[in-house]
């Protein structure tokens, strides 16, 4: 059973990951707007592709979570298919804390 401290820690960790994913999505919107006016560099095109794939990964994970019992099913699904999560949710805690500083 999780203690209150473990639950607080999990909330904090995922809050940071969600913020990181939103920041990356803002960059995607900027790059898409930029592509309407000029050509993107290869690096920018790679970022666009990566972010679009992240969005495509988030939809099935969110759908599973919303199903009855999805909160229990999603961790099992993640164990067997780790690529189902967006990139911000797949990085290690140490990397997440490094980016914050």
N, C-alpha and C. Protein backbone atom coordinates (compact mmCIF):
# COMPACT_ATOMS: atom_id res chain seq x y z
N UNK A 1 0.84 -1.18 0.00
CA UNK A 1 0.00 0.00 0.00
C UNK A 1 0.88 1.24 0.00
N UNK A 2 0.49 2.24 -0.75
CA UNK A 2 1.27 3.48 -0.82
C UNK A 2 1.04 4.34 0.40
N UNK A 3 2.12 4.95 0.87
CA UNK A 3 1.99 5.90 1.96
C UNK A 3 1.64 7.26 1.37
N UNK A 4 1.27 8.17 2.24
CA UNK A 4 0.92 9.52 1.79
C UNK A 4 2.12 10.18 1.11
N UNK A 5 3.31 9.96 1.66
CA UNK A 5 4.52 10.53 1.07
C UNK A 5 4.77 10.00 -0.34
N UNK A 6 4.57 8.70 -0.55
CA UNK A 6 4.77 8.12 -1.88
C UNK A 6 3.77 8.68 -2.88
N UNK A 7 2.54 8.88 -2.43
CA UNK A 7 1.51 9.44 -3.30
C UNK A 7 1.86 10.88 -3.67
N UNK A 8 2.30 11.67 -2.68
CA UNK A 8 2.70 13.06 -2.96
C UNK A 8 3.86 13.10 -3.94
N UNK A 9 4.82 12.20 -3.77
CA UNK A 9 5.98 12.15 -4.66
C UNK A 9 5.56 11.79 -6.09
N UNK A 10 4.65 10.84 -6.23
CA UNK A 10 4.17 10.44 -7.56
C UNK A 10 3.43 11.60 -8.24
N UNK A 11 2.66 12.33 -7.49
CA UNK A 11 1.94 13.49 -8.05
C UNK A 11 2.93 14.54 -8.52
N UNK A 12 3.93 14.84 -7.70
CA UNK A 12 4.94 15.83 -8.07
C UNK A 12 5.70 15.41 -9.32
N UNK A 13 6.10 14.14 -9.38
CA UNK A 13 6.88 13.64 -10.52
C UNK A 13 6.08 13.77 -11.82
N UNK A 14 4.85 13.38 -11.78
CA UNK A 14 4.03 13.42 -12.99
C UNK A 14 3.62 14.84 -13.36
N UNK A 15 3.54 15.70 -12.38
CA UNK A 15 3.25 17.11 -12.64
C UNK A 15 4.38 17.72 -13.47
N UNK A 16 5.61 17.40 -13.12
CA UNK A 16 6.77 17.89 -13.86
C UNK A 16 6.78 17.32 -15.27
N UNK A 17 6.43 16.06 -15.39
CA UNK A 17 6.43 15.41 -16.71
C UNK A 17 5.35 16.01 -17.61
N UNK A 18 4.19 16.28 -17.05
CA UNK A 18 3.12 16.90 -17.82
C UNK A 18 3.53 18.30 -18.27
N UNK A 19 4.16 19.05 -17.38
CA UNK A 19 4.63 20.40 -17.73
C UNK A 19 5.66 20.32 -18.87
N UNK A 20 6.54 19.34 -18.80
CA UNK A 20 7.54 19.16 -19.86
C UNK A 20 6.87 18.82 -21.19
N UNK A 21 5.89 17.95 -21.15
CA UNK A 21 5.17 17.57 -22.37
C UNK A 21 4.43 18.77 -22.96
N UNK A 22 3.84 19.60 -22.12
CA UNK A 22 3.16 20.81 -22.60
C UNK A 22 4.15 21.79 -23.22
N UNK A 23 5.31 21.91 -22.63
CA UNK A 23 6.35 22.79 -23.18
C UNK A 23 6.78 22.29 -24.57
N UNK A 24 6.95 21.00 -24.71
CA UNK A 24 7.32 20.43 -26.01
C UNK A 24 6.20 20.63 -27.03
N UNK A 25 4.95 20.56 -26.58
CA UNK A 25 3.83 20.76 -27.49
C UNK A 25 3.76 22.22 -27.97
N UNK A 26 4.12 23.15 -27.10
CA UNK A 26 4.17 24.56 -27.51
C UNK A 26 5.22 24.75 -28.59
N UNK A 27 6.34 24.06 -28.44
CA UNK A 27 7.39 24.13 -29.46
C UNK A 27 6.87 23.58 -30.79
N UNK A 28 6.08 22.51 -30.73
CA UNK A 28 5.50 21.94 -31.94
C UNK A 28 4.61 22.95 -32.65
N UNK A 29 3.76 23.64 -31.90
CA UNK A 29 2.87 24.64 -32.49
C UNK A 29 3.69 25.75 -33.15
N UNK A 30 4.75 26.19 -32.47
CA UNK A 30 5.63 27.22 -33.03
C UNK A 30 6.25 26.75 -34.34
N UNK A 31 6.75 25.51 -34.36
CA UNK A 31 7.39 24.99 -35.57
C UNK A 31 6.40 24.82 -36.72
N UNK A 32 5.18 24.41 -36.40
CA UNK A 32 4.17 24.27 -37.45
C UNK A 32 3.83 25.63 -38.05
N UNK A 33 3.69 26.65 -37.17
CA UNK A 33 3.44 28.00 -37.68
C UNK A 33 4.60 28.49 -38.53
N UNK A 34 5.82 28.20 -38.08
CA UNK A 34 7.00 28.61 -38.82
C UNK A 34 7.05 27.94 -40.19
N UNK A 35 6.61 26.68 -40.25
CA UNK A 35 6.67 25.95 -41.52
C UNK A 35 5.73 26.53 -42.57
N UNK A 36 4.74 27.29 -42.14
CA UNK A 36 3.83 27.93 -43.09
C UNK A 36 4.51 29.07 -43.83
N UNK A 37 5.53 29.66 -43.20
CA UNK A 37 6.20 30.82 -43.79
C UNK A 37 7.55 30.48 -44.43
N UNK A 38 8.28 29.57 -43.80
CA UNK A 38 9.61 29.22 -44.30
C UNK A 38 9.81 27.71 -44.22
N UNK A 39 10.88 27.25 -44.81
CA UNK A 39 11.23 25.84 -44.72
C UNK A 39 11.89 25.55 -43.38
N UNK A 40 11.61 24.40 -42.83
CA UNK A 40 12.22 24.00 -41.57
C UNK A 40 13.55 23.32 -41.84
N UNK A 41 14.47 23.42 -40.87
CA UNK A 41 15.73 22.71 -40.96
C UNK A 41 15.46 21.23 -40.69
N UNK A 42 16.44 20.40 -40.98
CA UNK A 42 16.29 18.96 -40.72
C UNK A 42 16.07 18.70 -39.23
N UNK A 43 16.76 19.46 -38.39
CA UNK A 43 16.61 19.31 -36.94
C UNK A 43 15.19 19.67 -36.50
N UNK A 44 14.66 20.75 -37.05
CA UNK A 44 13.29 21.17 -36.73
C UNK A 44 12.27 20.15 -37.24
N UNK A 45 12.51 19.62 -38.43
CA UNK A 45 11.62 18.59 -38.97
C UNK A 45 11.62 17.35 -38.06
N UNK A 46 12.79 17.01 -37.53
CA UNK A 46 12.89 15.88 -36.60
C UNK A 46 12.10 16.13 -35.32
N UNK A 47 12.16 17.37 -34.83
CA UNK A 47 11.40 17.71 -33.62
C UNK A 47 9.89 17.62 -33.88
N UNK A 48 9.46 18.09 -35.03
CA UNK A 48 8.04 18.02 -35.39
C UNK A 48 7.59 16.56 -35.44
N UNK A 49 8.38 15.73 -36.09
CA UNK A 49 8.03 14.31 -36.21
C UNK A 49 7.96 13.66 -34.84
N UNK A 50 8.95 13.95 -33.99
CA UNK A 50 8.98 13.36 -32.65
C UNK A 50 7.76 13.78 -31.83
N UNK A 51 7.40 15.06 -31.90
CA UNK A 51 6.26 15.54 -31.13
C UNK A 51 4.93 14.99 -31.65
N UNK A 52 4.80 14.86 -32.95
CA UNK A 52 3.58 14.27 -33.50
C UNK A 52 3.44 12.81 -33.08
N UNK A 53 4.57 12.09 -33.04
CA UNK A 53 4.54 10.71 -32.57
C UNK A 53 4.17 10.65 -31.08
N UNK A 54 4.66 11.62 -30.30
CA UNK A 54 4.30 11.68 -28.88
C UNK A 54 2.80 11.85 -28.70
N UNK A 55 2.21 12.71 -29.50
CA UNK A 55 0.76 12.92 -29.42
C UNK A 55 0.02 11.63 -29.77
N UNK A 56 0.51 10.96 -30.81
CA UNK A 56 -0.12 9.69 -31.20
C UNK A 56 0.03 8.62 -30.11
N UNK A 57 1.11 8.67 -29.35
CA UNK A 57 1.30 7.71 -28.25
C UNK A 57 0.38 8.03 -27.07
N UNK A 58 0.14 9.31 -26.84
CA UNK A 58 -0.65 9.72 -25.68
C UNK A 58 -2.11 9.32 -25.81
N UNK A 59 -2.63 9.31 -27.01
CA UNK A 59 -4.06 9.02 -27.21
C UNK A 59 -4.43 7.62 -26.75
N UNK A 60 -3.70 6.56 -27.15
CA UNK A 60 -4.09 5.22 -26.65
C UNK A 60 -3.92 5.09 -25.13
N UNK A 61 -2.87 5.70 -24.58
CA UNK A 61 -2.66 5.61 -23.13
C UNK A 61 -3.80 6.30 -22.39
N UNK A 62 -4.22 7.46 -22.87
CA UNK A 62 -5.33 8.18 -22.25
C UNK A 62 -6.62 7.39 -22.39
N UNK A 63 -6.83 6.78 -23.55
CA UNK A 63 -8.04 5.99 -23.78
C UNK A 63 -8.11 4.80 -22.82
N UNK A 64 -6.98 4.10 -22.66
CA UNK A 64 -6.94 2.96 -21.74
C UNK A 64 -7.23 3.44 -20.32
N UNK A 65 -6.64 4.56 -19.94
CA UNK A 65 -6.83 5.09 -18.58
C UNK A 65 -8.30 5.42 -18.32
N UNK A 66 -9.01 5.89 -19.34
CA UNK A 66 -10.41 6.29 -19.17
C UNK A 66 -11.37 5.10 -19.11
N UNK A 67 -10.94 3.93 -19.53
CA UNK A 67 -11.79 2.75 -19.46
C UNK A 67 -12.05 2.35 -18.01
N UNK A 68 -13.17 1.69 -17.73
CA UNK A 68 -13.37 1.18 -16.37
C UNK A 68 -12.22 0.23 -16.01
N UNK A 69 -11.58 0.50 -14.91
CA UNK A 69 -10.43 -0.30 -14.49
C UNK A 69 -9.15 0.07 -15.22
N UNK A 70 -9.19 1.15 -15.99
CA UNK A 70 -8.03 1.57 -16.76
C UNK A 70 -6.85 1.98 -15.91
N UNK A 71 -7.12 2.51 -14.73
CA UNK A 71 -6.03 2.90 -13.82
C UNK A 71 -5.23 1.68 -13.40
N UNK A 72 -5.86 0.53 -13.37
CA UNK A 72 -5.15 -0.71 -13.04
C UNK A 72 -4.53 -1.35 -14.28
N UNK A 73 -5.20 -1.20 -15.41
CA UNK A 73 -4.74 -1.81 -16.66
C UNK A 73 -3.54 -1.07 -17.26
N UNK A 74 -3.53 0.26 -17.15
CA UNK A 74 -2.47 1.05 -17.78
C UNK A 74 -1.07 0.68 -17.30
N UNK A 75 -0.83 0.53 -15.99
CA UNK A 75 0.53 0.11 -15.57
C UNK A 75 0.96 -1.23 -16.15
N UNK A 76 0.02 -2.16 -16.27
CA UNK A 76 0.36 -3.46 -16.89
C UNK A 76 0.69 -3.29 -18.37
N UNK A 77 -0.08 -2.48 -19.05
CA UNK A 77 0.15 -2.22 -20.46
C UNK A 77 1.50 -1.55 -20.67
N UNK A 78 1.84 -0.62 -19.80
CA UNK A 78 3.12 0.10 -19.88
C UNK A 78 4.28 -0.87 -19.68
N UNK A 79 4.09 -1.85 -18.80
CA UNK A 79 5.15 -2.82 -18.55
C UNK A 79 5.45 -3.63 -19.81
N UNK A 80 4.42 -4.00 -20.56
CA UNK A 80 4.59 -4.81 -21.75
C UNK A 80 4.85 -3.99 -23.01
N UNK A 81 4.34 -2.75 -23.04
CA UNK A 81 4.55 -1.87 -24.20
C UNK A 81 5.02 -0.50 -23.69
N UNK A 82 6.28 -0.38 -23.33
CA UNK A 82 6.76 0.88 -22.73
C UNK A 82 6.70 2.07 -23.69
N UNK A 83 6.69 1.83 -24.99
CA UNK A 83 6.64 2.94 -25.94
C UNK A 83 5.27 3.58 -26.07
N UNK A 84 4.30 3.11 -25.30
CA UNK A 84 2.96 3.68 -25.38
C UNK A 84 2.90 5.08 -24.75
N UNK A 85 3.86 5.39 -23.88
CA UNK A 85 3.86 6.68 -23.21
C UNK A 85 4.61 7.74 -24.02
N UNK A 86 4.19 9.01 -23.92
CA UNK A 86 4.95 10.09 -24.54
C UNK A 86 6.36 10.18 -23.94
N UNK A 87 7.27 10.82 -24.65
CA UNK A 87 8.68 10.85 -24.24
C UNK A 87 8.90 11.46 -22.86
N UNK A 88 8.14 12.47 -22.47
CA UNK A 88 8.33 13.09 -21.17
C UNK A 88 8.05 12.12 -20.02
N UNK A 89 7.24 11.12 -20.27
CA UNK A 89 6.90 10.15 -19.25
C UNK A 89 7.82 8.92 -19.28
N UNK A 90 8.74 8.88 -20.24
CA UNK A 90 9.65 7.74 -20.35
C UNK A 90 11.06 8.08 -19.85
N UNK A 91 11.32 9.35 -19.52
CA UNK A 91 12.67 9.70 -19.07
C UNK A 91 12.83 9.37 -17.60
N UNK A 92 14.08 9.16 -17.19
CA UNK A 92 14.38 8.84 -15.79
C UNK A 92 14.14 10.05 -14.91
N UNK A 93 13.89 9.79 -13.63
CA UNK A 93 13.68 10.87 -12.67
C UNK A 93 14.89 11.79 -12.60
N UNK A 94 16.10 11.23 -12.66
CA UNK A 94 17.30 12.06 -12.57
C UNK A 94 17.39 13.04 -13.73
N UNK A 95 17.04 12.59 -14.94
CA UNK A 95 17.04 13.47 -16.11
C UNK A 95 15.99 14.56 -15.96
N UNK A 96 14.84 14.21 -15.40
CA UNK A 96 13.76 15.17 -15.20
C UNK A 96 14.20 16.26 -14.24
N UNK A 97 14.88 15.89 -13.16
CA UNK A 97 15.35 16.87 -12.19
C UNK A 97 16.47 17.73 -12.76
N UNK A 98 17.32 17.17 -13.63
CA UNK A 98 18.40 17.93 -14.26
C UNK A 98 17.83 19.01 -15.17
N UNK A 99 16.79 18.71 -15.91
CA UNK A 99 16.19 19.67 -16.82
C UNK A 99 15.52 20.80 -16.06
N UNK A 100 15.05 20.51 -14.85
CA UNK A 100 14.37 21.51 -14.05
C UNK A 100 15.33 22.56 -13.53
N UNK A 101 16.57 22.17 -13.24
CA UNK A 101 17.55 23.08 -12.65
C UNK A 101 18.18 24.00 -13.65
